[in-house]
Amino acid sequence: MAKPDVITLTGLRAFGYHGVFDFERREGQEFIVDLVVGLDMRPAAHSDDVADTVDYGALATDVTAIVTGEPLNLIEALAERIADAVLRHPLVQVVTVTVHKPSAPIPTEFGDVTVTITRERA
């Protein structure tokens, strides 16, 4: 099978209450999500119709709802929940999700913490 075409959505920002510490769940923080979504774009390229592709606006809405929704302990679990939602779009073949937690409670100076997962349609 040929490598799929990709839609990339980077830097999606949303405020959530994920973390293992009580103060993270109480105060919340900004999370940033990047998606690389693999699908066959030839139908959309030929039809010029959004119905033949994945609406990246809808993806952004789905991701924001997950990040701002039910709190999770780990960003690994958050990434998995996002990947599951993206794979529910019927045209998506594969998705790579990166969740950034730039304000993670780490007792030293750092730039960012990320978790990246890749999931394929079963």
Foldseek 3Di string as FASTA:
>chain_A
DDWFDWDKDWFLKEWAQAAQDPCSNVVTDIKTKIKIWGFHCVVCVVVVDCVSDPDVVVLSVLLRCLRHDDYYHDVVVSQVVSQVVSPVPPGTFKMKMKMWDQPPPDPDDDGIDIDIDMDGDD
